[in-house]
Amino acid sequence: MIASNFILFLLQATGQQGGGGMLLWLPLIFIFGIFYFLLILPQQRRQKRWQQMVNDLKTGDRVVTGGGIRGTIIAIKDDAVHLRVPPDNLRLEVAKSSVVSVARDDESVK
C-alpha cells in the first residue's frame, strides 16, 4: 500500500515536472536566439563579404594586409598575391588570406 502510494506520487510529480521542464527551456532558447542574431549572424555576413572581396581581387588593386603592409597587386596566384610595395618598389608575395581591405583606383579618385 505504501509502495503503490509512493509510485503514484512519483508518477504525479513526474507529470507535473514534464510541463514545468518545458518552461525551463524557454529562457535558454531565447538566449540562444539573441546570441544567434547579435553574434553569429553578423559574423557569418562579415565572413561572406571578406571571402567575396578576396575572390574579386585583381591586378592594380591597392590592398592592406593583416600585418599592415600596403601595396599594389601586380600578380595573382591560386593562394597568394604579389605586391609592389613603395618606396623602393619591393615585390612581396603574401597569402590571399592576409588581405584585409582593398581600395581600387576608381574608389580612391572620389
PDB file of N, CA and C in Angstrom:
ATOM      1  N   MET A   1       0.814  -1.180   0.000  1.00  0.00           N
ATOM      2  CA  MET A   1       0.000   0.000   0.000  1.00  0.00           C
ATOM      3  C   MET A   1       0.862   1.249   0.000  1.00  0.00           C
ATOM      4  N   ILE A   2       1.855   1.281   0.855  1.00  0.00           N
ATOM      5  CA  ILE A   2       2.739   2.443   0.919  1.00  0.00           C
ATOM      6  C   ILE A   2       3.547   2.547  -0.370  1.00  0.00           C
ATOM      7  N   ALA A   3       3.987   1.396  -0.891  1.00  0.00           N
ATOM      8  CA  ALA A   3       4.772   1.401  -2.122  1.00  0.00           C
ATOM      9  C   ALA A   3       3.930   1.902  -3.293  1.00  0.00           C
ATOM     10  N   SER A   4       2.663   1.479  -3.394  1.00  0.00           N
ATOM     11  CA  SER A   4       1.820   1.919  -4.508  1.00  0.00           C
ATOM     12  C   SER A   4       1.508   3.409  -4.398  1.00  0.00           C
ATOM     13  N   ASN A   5       1.315   3.913  -3.162  1.00  0.00           N
ATOM     14  CA  ASN A   5       1.096   5.345  -2.970  1.00  0.00           C
ATOM     15  C   ASN A   5       2.358   6.133  -3.355  1.00  0.00           C
ATOM     16  N   PHE A   6       3.492   5.584  -3.008  1.00  0.00           N
ATOM     17  CA  PHE A   6       4.762   6.236  -3.344  1.00  0.00           C
ATOM     18  C   PHE A   6       4.952   6.283  -4.859  1.00  0.00           C
ATOM     19  N   ILE A   7       4.651   5.190  -5.566  1.00  0.00           N
ATOM     20  CA  ILE A   7       4.777   5.145  -7.031  1.00  0.00           C
ATOM     21  C   ILE A   7       3.787   6.116  -7.666  1.00  0.00           C
ATOM     22  N   LEU A   8       2.570   6.163  -7.138  1.00  0.00           N
ATOM     23  CA  LEU A   8       1.569   7.093  -7.649  1.00  0.00           C
ATOM     24  C   LEU A   8       2.028   8.531  -7.447  1.00  0.00           C
ATOM     25  N   PHE A   9       2.621   8.803  -6.280  1.00  0.00           N
ATOM     26  CA  PHE A   9       3.145  10.137  -6.007  1.00  0.00           C
ATOM     27  C   PHE A   9       4.270  10.492  -6.987  1.00  0.00           C
ATOM     28  N   LEU A  10       5.168   9.536  -7.281  1.00  0.00           N
ATOM     29  CA  LEU A  10       6.263   9.785  -8.223  1.00  0.00           C
ATOM     30  C   LEU A  10       5.733  10.045  -9.628  1.00  0.00           C
ATOM     31  N   LEU A  11       4.718   9.294 -10.046  1.00  0.00           N
ATOM     32  CA  LEU A  11       4.144   9.491 -11.377  1.00  0.00           C
ATOM     33  C   LEU A  11       3.493  10.863 -11.495  1.00  0.00           C
ATOM     34  N   GLN A  12       2.812  11.287 -10.468  1.00  0.00           N
ATOM     35  CA  GLN A  12       2.189  12.605 -10.487  1.00  0.00           C
ATOM     36  C   GLN A  12       3.244  13.707 -10.486  1.00  0.00           C
ATOM     37  N   ALA A  13       4.274  13.540  -9.702  1.00  0.00           N
ATOM     38  CA  ALA A  13       5.342  14.542  -9.641  1.00  0.00           C
ATOM     39  C   ALA A  13       6.077  14.634 -10.979  1.00  0.00           C
ATOM     40  N   THR A  14       6.321  13.485 -11.587  1.00  0.00           N
ATOM     41  CA  THR A  14       6.999  13.466 -12.883  1.00  0.00           C
ATOM     42  C   THR A  14       6.132  14.124 -13.941  1.00  0.00           C
ATOM     43  N   GLY A  15       4.855  13.892 -13.902  1.00  0.00           N
ATOM     44  CA  GLY A  15       3.946  14.517 -14.856  1.00  0.00           C
ATOM     45  C   GLY A  15       3.931  16.024 -14.705  1.00  0.00           C
ATOM     46  N   GLN A  16       3.967  16.517 -13.500  1.00  0.00           N
ATOM     47  CA  GLN A  16       3.991  17.954 -13.280  1.00  0.00           C
ATOM     48  C   GLN A  16       5.337  18.550 -13.679  1.00  0.00           C
ATOM     49  N   GLN A  17       6.419  17.826 -13.456  1.00  0.00           N
ATOM     50  CA  GLN A  17       7.741  18.318 -13.829  1.00  0.00           C
ATOM     51  C   GLN A  17       7.896  18.374 -15.347  1.00  0.00           C
ATOM     52  N   GLY A  18       7.248  17.483 -16.080  1.00  0.00           N
ATOM     53  CA  GLY A  18       7.344  17.484 -17.534  1.00  0.00           C
ATOM     54  C   GLY A  18       6.827  18.784 -18.118  1.00  0.00           C
ATOM     55  N   GLY A  19       5.720  19.280 -17.623  1.00  0.00           N
ATOM     56  CA  GLY A  19       5.177  20.548 -18.096  1.00  0.00           C
ATOM     57  C   GLY A  19       6.038  21.714 -17.658  1.00  0.00           C
ATOM     58  N   GLY A  20       6.526  21.665 -16.453  1.00  0.00           N
ATOM     59  CA  GLY A  20       7.387  22.736 -15.950  1.00  0.00           C
ATOM     60  C   GLY A  20       8.761  22.687 -16.575  1.00  0.00           C
ATOM     61  N   GLY A  21       9.206  21.495 -16.986  1.00  0.00           N
ATOM     62  CA  GLY A  21      10.517  21.359 -17.611  1.00  0.00           C
ATOM     63  C   GLY A  21      10.586  22.112 -18.933  1.00  0.00           C
ATOM     64  N   MET A  22       9.476  22.097 -19.672  1.00  0.00           N
ATOM     65  CA  MET A  22       9.447  22.821 -20.940  1.00  0.00           C
ATOM     66  C   MET A  22       9.561  24.317 -20.700  1.00  0.00           C
ATOM     67  N   LEU A  23       8.957  24.765 -19.619  1.00  0.00           N
ATOM     68  CA  LEU A  23       9.040  26.178 -19.280  1.00  0.00           C
ATOM     69  C   LEU A  23      10.467  26.577 -18.921  1.00  0.00           C
ATOM     70  N   LEU A  24      11.246  25.657 -18.382  1.00  0.00           N
ATOM     71  CA  LEU A  24      12.634  25.946 -18.047  1.00  0.00           C
ATOM     72  C   LEU A  24      13.508  26.066 -19.288  1.00  0.00           C
ATOM     73  N   TRP A  25      13.116  25.448 -20.405  1.00  0.00           N
ATOM     74  CA  TRP A  25      13.901  25.518 -21.646  1.00  0.00           C
ATOM     75  C   TRP A  25      13.697  26.824 -22.388  1.00  0.00           C
ATOM     76  N   LEU A  26      12.580  27.502 -22.172  1.00  0.00           N
ATOM     77  CA  LEU A  26      12.279  28.724 -22.920  1.00  0.00           C
ATOM     78  C   LEU A  26      13.328  29.819 -22.742  1.00  0.00           C
ATOM     79  N   PRO A  27      13.800  30.116 -21.544  1.00  0.00           N
ATOM     80  CA  PRO A  27      14.847  31.134 -21.427  1.00  0.00           C
ATOM     81  C   PRO A  27      16.136  30.754 -22.153  1.00  0.00           C
ATOM     82  N   LEU A  28      16.481  29.479 -22.130  1.00  0.00           N
ATOM     83  CA  LEU A  28      17.679  29.023 -22.819  1.00  0.00           C
ATOM     84  C   LEU A  28      17.528  29.205 -24.328  1.00  0.00           C
ATOM     85  N   ILE A  29      16.373  28.866 -24.866  1.00  0.00           N
ATOM     86  CA  ILE A  29      16.117  29.044 -26.297  1.00  0.00           C
ATOM     87  C   ILE A  29      16.129  30.527 -26.646  1.00  0.00           C
ATOM     88  N   PHE A  30      15.555  31.349 -25.801  1.00  0.00           N
ATOM     89  CA  PHE A  30      15.538  32.796 -26.007  1.00  0.00           C
ATOM     90  C   PHE A  30      16.957  33.369 -26.020  1.00  0.00           C
ATOM     91  N   ILE A  31      17.794  32.944 -25.097  1.00  0.00           N
ATOM     92  CA  ILE A  31      19.179  33.416 -25.031  1.00  0.00           C
ATOM     93  C   ILE A  31      19.952  32.960 -26.268  1.00  0.00           C
ATOM     94  N   PHE A  32      19.744  31.719 -26.702  1.00  0.00           N
ATOM     95  CA  PHE A  32      20.409  31.245 -27.919  1.00  0.00           C
ATOM     96  C   PHE A  32      19.981  32.079 -29.126  1.00  0.00           C
ATOM     97  N   GLY A  33      18.702  32.423 -29.212  1.00  0.00           N
ATOM     98  CA  GLY A  33      18.214  33.264 -30.307  1.00  0.00           C
ATOM     99  C   GLY A  33      18.878  34.625 -30.313  1.00  0.00           C
ATOM    100  N   ILE A  34      19.029  35.223 -29.130  1.00  0.00           N
ATOM    101  CA  ILE A  34      19.700  36.511 -29.037  1.00  0.00           C
ATOM    102  C   ILE A  34      21.154  36.388 -29.478  1.00  0.00           C
ATOM    103  N   PHE A  35      21.859  35.370 -29.008  1.00  0.00           N
ATOM    104  CA  PHE A  35      23.249  35.163 -29.421  1.00  0.00           C
ATOM    105  C   PHE A  35      23.339  34.969 -30.929  1.00  0.00           C
ATOM    106  N   TYR A  36      22.406  34.219 -31.503  1.00  0.00           N
ATOM    107  CA  TYR A  36      22.452  33.968 -32.936  1.00  0.00           C
ATOM    108  C   TYR A  36      22.321  35.273 -33.718  1.00  0.00           C
ATOM    109  N   PHE A  37      21.339  36.101 -33.354  1.00  0.00           N
ATOM    110  CA  PHE A  37      21.101  37.322 -34.117  1.00  0.00           C
ATOM    111  C   PHE A  37      22.101  38.430 -33.814  1.00  0.00           C
ATOM    112  N   LEU A  38      22.681  38.444 -32.630  1.00  0.00           N
ATOM    113  CA  LEU A  38      23.627  39.505 -32.295  1.00  0.00           C
ATOM    114  C   LEU A  38      25.087  39.132 -32.522  1.00  0.00           C
ATOM    115  N   LEU A  39      25.436  37.854 -32.514  1.00  0.00           N
ATOM    116  CA  LEU A  39      26.835  37.453 -32.651  1.00  0.00           C
ATOM    117  C   LEU A  39      27.104  36.576 -33.877  1.00  0.00           C
ATOM    118  N   ILE A  40      26.357  35.516 -34.033  1.00  0.00           N
ATOM    119  CA  ILE A  40      26.666  34.532 -35.065  1.00  0.00           C
ATOM    120  C   ILE A  40      26.314  35.052 -36.454  1.00  0.00           C
ATOM    121  N   LEU A  41      25.127  35.565 -36.656  1.00  0.00           N
ATOM    122  CA  LEU A  41      24.691  36.032 -37.963  1.00  0.00           C
ATOM    123  C   LEU A  41      25.558  37.173 -38.496  1.00  0.00           C
ATOM    124  N   PRO A  42      25.886  38.207 -37.710  1.00  0.00           N
ATOM    125  CA  PRO A  42      26.778  39.256 -38.228  1.00  0.00           C
ATOM    126  C   PRO A  42      28.165  38.733 -38.586  1.00  0.00           C
ATOM    127  N   GLN A  43      28.684  37.776 -37.823  1.00  0.00           N
ATOM    128  CA  GLN A  43      29.997  37.207 -38.140  1.00  0.00           C
ATOM    129  C   GLN A  43      29.941  36.436 -39.451  1.00  0.00           C
ATOM    130  N   GLN A  44      28.871  35.709 -39.705  1.00  0.00           N
ATOM    131  CA  GLN A  44      28.736  34.988 -40.969  1.00  0.00           C
ATOM    132  C   GLN A  44      28.661  35.961 -42.140  1.00  0.00           C
ATOM    133  N   ARG A  45      27.933  37.054 -41.990  1.00  0.00           N
ATOM    134  CA  ARG A  45      27.848  38.062 -43.050  1.00  0.00           C
ATOM    135  C   ARG A  45      29.209  38.696 -43.310  1.00  0.00           C
ATOM    136  N   ARG A  46      29.937  39.021 -42.247  1.00  0.00           N
ATOM    137  CA  ARG A  46      31.268  39.607 -42.389  1.00  0.00           C
ATOM    138  C   ARG A  46      32.207  38.640 -43.108  1.00  0.00           C
ATOM    139  N   GLN A  47      32.131  37.371 -42.779  1.00  0.00           N
ATOM    140  CA  GLN A  47      32.967  36.349 -43.412  1.00  0.00           C
ATOM    141  C   GLN A  47      32.644  36.235 -44.898  1.00  0.00           C
ATOM    142  N   LYS A  48      31.361  36.273 -45.255  1.00  0.00           N
ATOM    143  CA  LYS A  48      30.968  36.195 -46.660  1.00  0.00           C
ATOM    144  C   LYS A  48      31.456  37.416 -47.429  1.00  0.00           C
ATOM    145  N   ARG A  49      31.349  38.621 -46.857  1.00  0.00           N
ATOM    146  CA  ARG A  49      31.842  39.838 -47.527  1.00  0.00           C
ATOM    147  C   ARG A  49      33.345  39.769 -47.742  1.00  0.00           C
ATOM    148  N   TRP A  50      34.088  39.306 -46.725  1.00  0.00           N
ATOM    149  CA  TRP A  50      35.540  39.197 -46.845  1.00  0.00           C
ATOM    150  C   TRP A  50      35.909  38.176 -47.921  1.00  0.00           C
ATOM    151  N   GLN A  51      35.228  37.026 -47.947  1.00  0.00           N
ATOM    152  CA  GLN A  51      35.516  36.000 -48.951  1.00  0.00           C
ATOM    153  C   GLN A  51      35.235  36.524 -50.353  1.00  0.00           C
ATOM    154  N   GLN A  52      34.151  37.276 -50.510  1.00  0.00           N
ATOM    155  CA  GLN A  52      33.837  37.863 -51.811  1.00  0.00           C
ATOM    156  C   GLN A  52      34.909  38.868 -52.215  1.00  0.00           C
ATOM    157  N   MET A  53      35.407  39.675 -51.262  1.00  0.00           N
ATOM    158  CA  MET A  53      36.455  40.639 -51.543  1.00  0.00           C
ATOM    159  C   MET A  53      37.725  39.924 -52.007  1.00  0.00           C
ATOM    160  N   VAL A  54      38.092  38.837 -51.337  1.00  0.00           N
ATOM    161  CA  VAL A  54      39.299  38.094 -51.706  1.00  0.00           C
ATOM    162  C   VAL A  54      39.125  37.457 -53.087  1.00  0.00           C
ATOM    163  N   ASN A  55      37.943  36.947 -53.389  1.00  0.00           N
ATOM    164  CA  ASN A  55      37.705  36.342 -54.696  1.00  0.00           C
ATOM    165  C   ASN A  55      37.728  37.368 -55.821  1.00  0.00           C
ATOM    166  N   ASP A  56      37.389  38.630 -55.520  1.00  0.00           N
ATOM    167  CA  ASP A  56      37.327  39.679 -56.536  1.00  0.00           C
ATOM    168  C   ASP A  56      38.637  40.447 -56.695  1.00  0.00           C
ATOM    169  N   LEU A  57      39.705  40.027 -56.039  1.00  0.00           N
ATOM    170  CA  LEU A  57      40.981  40.727 -56.178  1.00  0.00           C
ATOM    171  C   LEU A  57      41.456  40.673 -57.623  1.00  0.00           C
ATOM    172  N   LYS A  58      42.047  41.785 -58.081  1.00  0.00           N
ATOM    173  CA  LYS A  58      42.586  41.829 -59.433  1.00  0.00           C
ATOM    174  C   LYS A  58      43.845  42.683 -59.424  1.00  0.00           C
ATOM    175  N   THR A  59      44.630  42.574 -60.472  1.00  0.00           N
ATOM    176  CA  THR A  59      45.864  43.361 -60.550  1.00  0.00           C
ATOM    177  C   THR A  59      45.512  44.836 -60.592  1.00  0.00           C
ATOM    178  N   GLY A  60      46.330  45.623 -59.939  1.00  0.00           N
ATOM    179  CA  GLY A  60      46.094  47.061 -59.856  1.00  0.00           C
ATOM    180  C   GLY A  60      45.383  47.492 -58.592  1.00  0.00           C
ATOM    181  N   ASP A  61      44.802  46.569 -57.862  1.00  0.00           N
ATOM    182  CA  ASP A  61      44.130  46.913 -56.603  1.00  0.00           C
ATOM    183  C   ASP A  61      45.158  47.282 -55.549  1.00  0.00           C
ATOM    184  N   ARG A  62      44.862  48.331 -54.807  1.00  0.00           N
ATOM    185  CA  ARG A  62      45.705  48.703 -53.666  1.00  0.00           C
ATOM    186  C   ARG A  62      45.113  48.007 -52.447  1.00  0.00           C
ATOM    187  N   VAL A  63      45.949  47.259 -51.725  1.00  0.00           N
ATOM    188  CA  VAL A  63      45.465  46.447 -50.608  1.00  0.00           C
ATOM    189  C   VAL A  63      46.272  46.725 -49.348  1.00  0.00           C
ATOM    190  N   VAL A  64      45.679  46.342 -48.243  1.00  0.00           N
ATOM    191  CA  VAL A  64      46.347  46.374 -46.944  1.00  0.00           C
ATOM    192  C   VAL A  64      46.276  44.958 -46.382  1.00  0.00           C
ATOM    193  N   THR A  65      47.407  44.444 -45.902  1.00  0.00           N
ATOM    194  CA  THR A  65      47.447  43.098 -45.335  1.00  0.00           C
ATOM    195  C   THR A  65      47.198  43.153 -43.839  1.00  0.00           C
ATOM    196  N   GLY A  66      47.034  41.991 -43.252  1.00  0.00           N
ATOM    197  CA  GLY A  66      46.816  41.893 -41.811  1.00  0.00           C
ATOM    198  C   GLY A  66      48.006  42.401 -41.013  1.00  0.00           C
ATOM    199  N   GLY A  67      49.185  42.344 -41.588  1.00  0.00           N
ATOM    200  CA  GLY A  67      50.385  42.844 -40.917  1.00  0.00           C
ATOM    201  C   GLY A  67      50.611  44.330 -41.118  1.00  0.00           C
ATOM    202  N   GLY A  68      49.725  44.990 -41.872  1.00  0.00           N
ATOM    203  CA  GLY A  68      49.829  46.424 -42.076  1.00  0.00           C
ATOM    204  C   GLY A  68      50.611  46.822 -43.319  1.00  0.00           C
ATOM    205  N   ILE A  69      50.976  45.884 -44.157  1.00  0.00           N
ATOM    206  CA  ILE A  69      51.710  46.195 -45.380  1.00  0.00           C
ATOM    207  C   ILE A  69      50.726  46.721 -46.417  1.00  0.00           C
ATOM    208  N   ARG A  70      51.049  47.883 -46.990  1.00  0.00           N
ATOM    209  CA  ARG A  70      50.221  48.479 -48.037  1.00  0.00           C
ATOM    210  C   ARG A  70      50.961  48.335 -49.355  1.00  0.00           C
ATOM    211  N   GLY A  71      50.247  47.895 -50.370  1.00  0.00           N
ATOM    212  CA  GLY A  71      50.875  47.736 -51.663  1.00  0.00           C
ATOM    213  C   GLY A  71      49.853  47.581 -52.766  1.00  0.00           C
ATOM    214  N   THR A  72      50.371  47.470 -53.988  1.00  0.00           N
ATOM    215  CA  THR A  72      49.543  47.307 -55.172  1.00  0.00           C
ATOM    216  C   THR A  72      49.752  45.906 -55.727  1.00  0.00           C
ATOM    217  N   ILE A  73      48.664  45.234 -56.062  1.00  0.00           N
ATOM    218  CA  ILE A  73      48.752  43.871 -56.594  1.00  0.00           C
ATOM    219  C   ILE A  73      49.310  43.928 -58.013  1.00  0.00           C
ATOM    220  N   ILE A  74      50.368  43.143 -58.256  1.00  0.00           N
ATOM    221  CA  ILE A  74      50.928  43.067 -59.600  1.00  0.00           C
ATOM    222  C   ILE A  74      50.748  41.688 -60.217  1.00  0.00           C
ATOM    223  N   ALA A  75      50.460  40.672 -59.404  1.00  0.00           N
ATOM    224  CA  ALA A  75      50.201  39.327 -59.914  1.00  0.00           C
ATOM    225  C   ALA A  75      49.376  38.561 -58.885  1.00  0.00           C
ATOM    226  N   ILE A  76      48.570  37.631 -59.395  1.00  0.00           N
ATOM    227  CA  ILE A  76      47.710  36.823 -58.522  1.00  0.00           C
ATOM    228  C   ILE A  76      47.956  35.357 -58.829  1.00  0.00           C
ATOM    229  N   LYS A  77      48.170  34.575 -57.773  1.00  0.00           N
ATOM    230  CA  LYS A  77      48.277  33.119 -57.889  1.00  0.00           C
ATOM    231  C   LYS A  77      47.047  32.501 -57.235  1.00  0.00           C
ATOM    232  N   ASP A  78      47.041  31.175 -57.126  1.00  0.00           N
ATOM    233  CA  ASP A  78      45.893  30.494 -56.525  1.00  0.00           C
ATOM    234  C   ASP A  78      45.645  30.936 -55.098  1.00  0.00           C
ATOM    235  N   ASP A  79      46.682  30.914 -54.274  1.00  0.00           N
ATOM    236  CA  ASP A  79      46.507  31.232 -52.856  1.00  0.00           C
ATOM    237  C   ASP A  79      47.391  32.373 -52.391  1.00  0.00           C
ATOM    238  N   ALA A  80      48.001  33.120 -53.327  1.00  0.00           N
ATOM    239  CA  ALA A  80      48.900  34.210 -52.965  1.00  0.00           C
ATOM    240  C   ALA A  80      48.757  35.357 -53.953  1.00  0.00           C
ATOM    241  N   VAL A  81      49.198  36.522 -53.523  1.00  0.00           N
ATOM    242  CA  VAL A  81      49.262  37.690 -54.404  1.00  0.00           C
ATOM    243  C   VAL A  81      50.663  38.287 -54.304  1.00  0.00           C
ATOM    244  N   HIS A  82      51.118  38.880 -55.406  1.00  0.00           N
ATOM    245  CA  HIS A  82      52.395  39.581 -55.414  1.00  0.00           C
ATOM    246  C   HIS A  82      52.089  41.058 -55.306  1.00  0.00           C
ATOM    247  N   LEU A  83      52.735  41.705 -54.348  1.00  0.00           N
ATOM    248  CA  LEU A  83      52.511  43.126 -54.107  1.00  0.00           C
ATOM    249  C   LEU A  83      53.749  43.917 -54.470  1.00  0.00           C
ATOM    250  N   ARG A  84      53.529  45.108 -55.014  1.00  0.00           N
ATOM    251  CA  ARG A  84      54.611  46.075 -55.177  1.00  0.00           C
ATOM    252  C   ARG A  84      54.433  47.077 -54.048  1.00  0.00           C
ATOM    253  N   VAL A  85      55.477  47.173 -53.210  1.00  0.00           N
ATOM    254  CA  VAL A  85      55.391  47.984 -52.002  1.00  0.00           C
ATOM    255  C   VAL A  85      56.350  49.178 -52.129  1.00  0.00           C
ATOM    256  N   PRO A  86      55.818  50.410 -52.038  1.00  0.00           N
ATOM    257  CA  PRO A  86      56.693  51.586 -52.088  1.00  0.00           C
ATOM    258  C   PRO A  86      57.483  51.709 -50.794  1.00  0.00           C
ATOM    259  N   PRO A  87      58.520  52.451 -50.659  1.00  0.00           N
ATOM    260  CA  PRO A  87      59.056  53.403 -51.628  1.00  0.00           C
ATOM    261  C   PRO A  87      60.076  52.782 -52.577  1.00  0.00           C
ATOM    262  N   ASP A  88      60.598  51.609 -52.279  1.00  0.00           N
ATOM    263  CA  ASP A  88      61.646  51.012 -53.116  1.00  0.00           C
ATOM    264  C   ASP A  88      61.084  50.028 -54.130  1.00  0.00           C
ATOM    265  N   ASN A  89      59.765  49.996 -54.303  1.00  0.00           N
ATOM    266  CA  ASN A  89      59.104  49.070 -55.220  1.00  0.00           C
ATOM    267  C   ASN A  89      59.509  47.622 -54.971  1.00  0.00           C
ATOM    268  N   LEU A  90      59.503  47.246 -53.699  1.00  0.00           N
ATOM    269  CA  LEU A  90      59.772  45.853 -53.341  1.00  0.00           C
ATOM    270  C   LEU A  90      58.656  44.977 -53.873  1.00  0.00           C
ATOM    271  N   ARG A  91      58.988  43.759 -54.239  1.00  0.00           N
ATOM    272  CA  ARG A  91      57.985  42.787 -54.674  1.00  0.00           C
ATOM    273  C   ARG A  91      57.857  41.740 -53.571  1.00  0.00           C
ATOM    274  N   LEU A  92      56.670  41.670 -52.970  1.00  0.00           N
ATOM    275  CA  LEU A  92      56.409  40.728 -51.888  1.00  0.00           C
ATOM    276  C   LEU A  92      55.316  39.755 -52.310  1.00  0.00           C
ATOM    277  N   GLU A  93      55.461  38.532 -51.874  1.00  0.00           N
ATOM    278  CA  GLU A  93      54.398  37.542 -52.079  1.00  0.00           C
ATOM    279  C   GLU A  93      53.753  37.282 -50.719  1.00  0.00           C
ATOM    280  N   VAL A  94      52.453  37.526 -50.650  1.00  0.00           N
ATOM    281  CA  VAL A  94      51.716  37.311 -49.404  1.00  0.00           C
ATOM    282  C   VAL A  94      50.513  36.423 -49.696  1.00  0.00           C
ATOM    283  N   ALA A  95      50.021  35.756 -48.679  1.00  0.00           N
ATOM    284  CA  ALA A  95      48.838  34.903 -48.821  1.00  0.00           C
ATOM    285  C   ALA A  95      47.604  35.765 -49.069  1.00  0.00           C
ATOM    286  N   LYS A  96      46.696  35.265 -49.890  1.00  0.00           N
ATOM    287  CA  LYS A  96      45.451  35.988 -50.142  1.00  0.00           C
ATOM    288  C   LYS A  96      44.670  36.193 -48.850  1.00  0.00           C
ATOM    289  N   SER A  97      44.771  35.234 -47.963  1.00  0.00           N
ATOM    290  CA  SER A  97      44.005  35.317 -46.714  1.00  0.00           C
ATOM    291  C   SER A  97      44.504  36.430 -45.802  1.00  0.00           C
ATOM    292  N   SER A  98      45.685  36.988 -46.080  1.00  0.00           N
ATOM    293  CA  SER A  98      46.192  38.071 -45.234  1.00  0.00           C
ATOM    294  C   SER A  98      45.669  39.431 -45.674  1.00  0.00           C
ATOM    295  N   VAL A  99      44.999  39.514 -46.821  1.00  0.00           N
ATOM    296  CA  VAL A  99      44.458  40.785 -47.302  1.00  0.00           C
ATOM    297  C   VAL A  99      43.213  41.117 -46.489  1.00  0.00           C
ATOM    298  N   VAL A 100      43.211  42.324 -45.894  1.00  0.00           N
ATOM    299  CA  VAL A 100      42.074  42.704 -45.059  1.00  0.00           C
ATOM    300  C   VAL A 100      41.230  43.808 -45.669  1.00  0.00           C
ATOM    301  N   SER A 101      41.798  44.603 -46.589  1.00  0.00           N
ATOM    302  CA  SER A 101      40.989  45.643 -47.232  1.00  0.00           C
ATOM    303  C   SER A 101      41.551  45.964 -48.604  1.00  0.00           C
ATOM    304  N   VAL A 102      40.658  46.490 -49.458  1.00  0.00           N
ATOM    305  CA  VAL A 102      41.007  46.833 -50.833  1.00  0.00           C
ATOM    306  C   VAL A 102      40.528  48.248 -51.108  1.00  0.00           C
ATOM    307  N   ALA A 103      41.369  49.019 -51.788  1.00  0.00           N
ATOM    308  CA  ALA A 103      40.982  50.349 -52.270  1.00  0.00           C
ATOM    309  C   ALA A 103      41.324  50.384 -53.759  1.00  0.00           C
ATOM    310  N   ARG A 104      40.327  50.211 -54.614  1.00  0.00           N
ATOM    311  CA  ARG A 104      40.573  50.202 -56.063  1.00  0.00           C
ATOM    312  C   ARG A 104      40.818  51.634 -56.535  1.00  0.00           C
ATOM    313  N   ASP A 105      41.441  51.768 -57.690  1.00  0.00           N
ATOM    314  CA  ASP A 105      41.791  53.083 -58.206  1.00  0.00           C
ATOM    315  C   ASP A 105      40.561  53.956 -58.434  1.00  0.00           C
ATOM    316  N   ASP A 106      39.469  53.392 -58.950  1.00  0.00           N
ATOM    317  CA  ASP A 106      38.264  54.174 -59.201  1.00  0.00           C
ATOM    318  C   ASP A 106      37.632  54.649 -57.900  1.00  0.00           C
ATOM    319  N   GLU A 107      37.821  53.947 -56.787  1.00  0.00           N
ATOM    320  CA  GLU A 107      37.269  54.362 -55.498  1.00  0.00           C
ATOM    321  C   GLU A 107      38.139  55.419 -54.842  1.00  0.00           C
ATOM    322  N   SER A 108      39.455  55.371 -55.072  1.00  0.00           N
ATOM    323  CA  SER A 108      40.357  56.322 -54.410  1.00  0.00           C
ATOM    324  C   SER A 108      40.302  57.688 -55.065  1.00  0.00           C
ATOM    325  N   VAL A 109      39.801  57.806 -56.297  1.00  0.00           N
ATOM    326  CA  VAL A 109      39.719  59.083 -57.002  1.00  0.00           C
ATOM    327  C   VAL A 109      38.639  59.960 -56.404  1.00  0.00           C
ATOM    328  N   LYS A 110      37.567  59.363 -55.900  1.00  0.00           N
ATOM    329  CA  LYS A 110      36.411  60.118 -55.379  1.00  0.00           C
ATOM    330  C   LYS A 110      36.753  61.022 -54.247  1.00  0.00           C
TER     331      LYS A 110
END
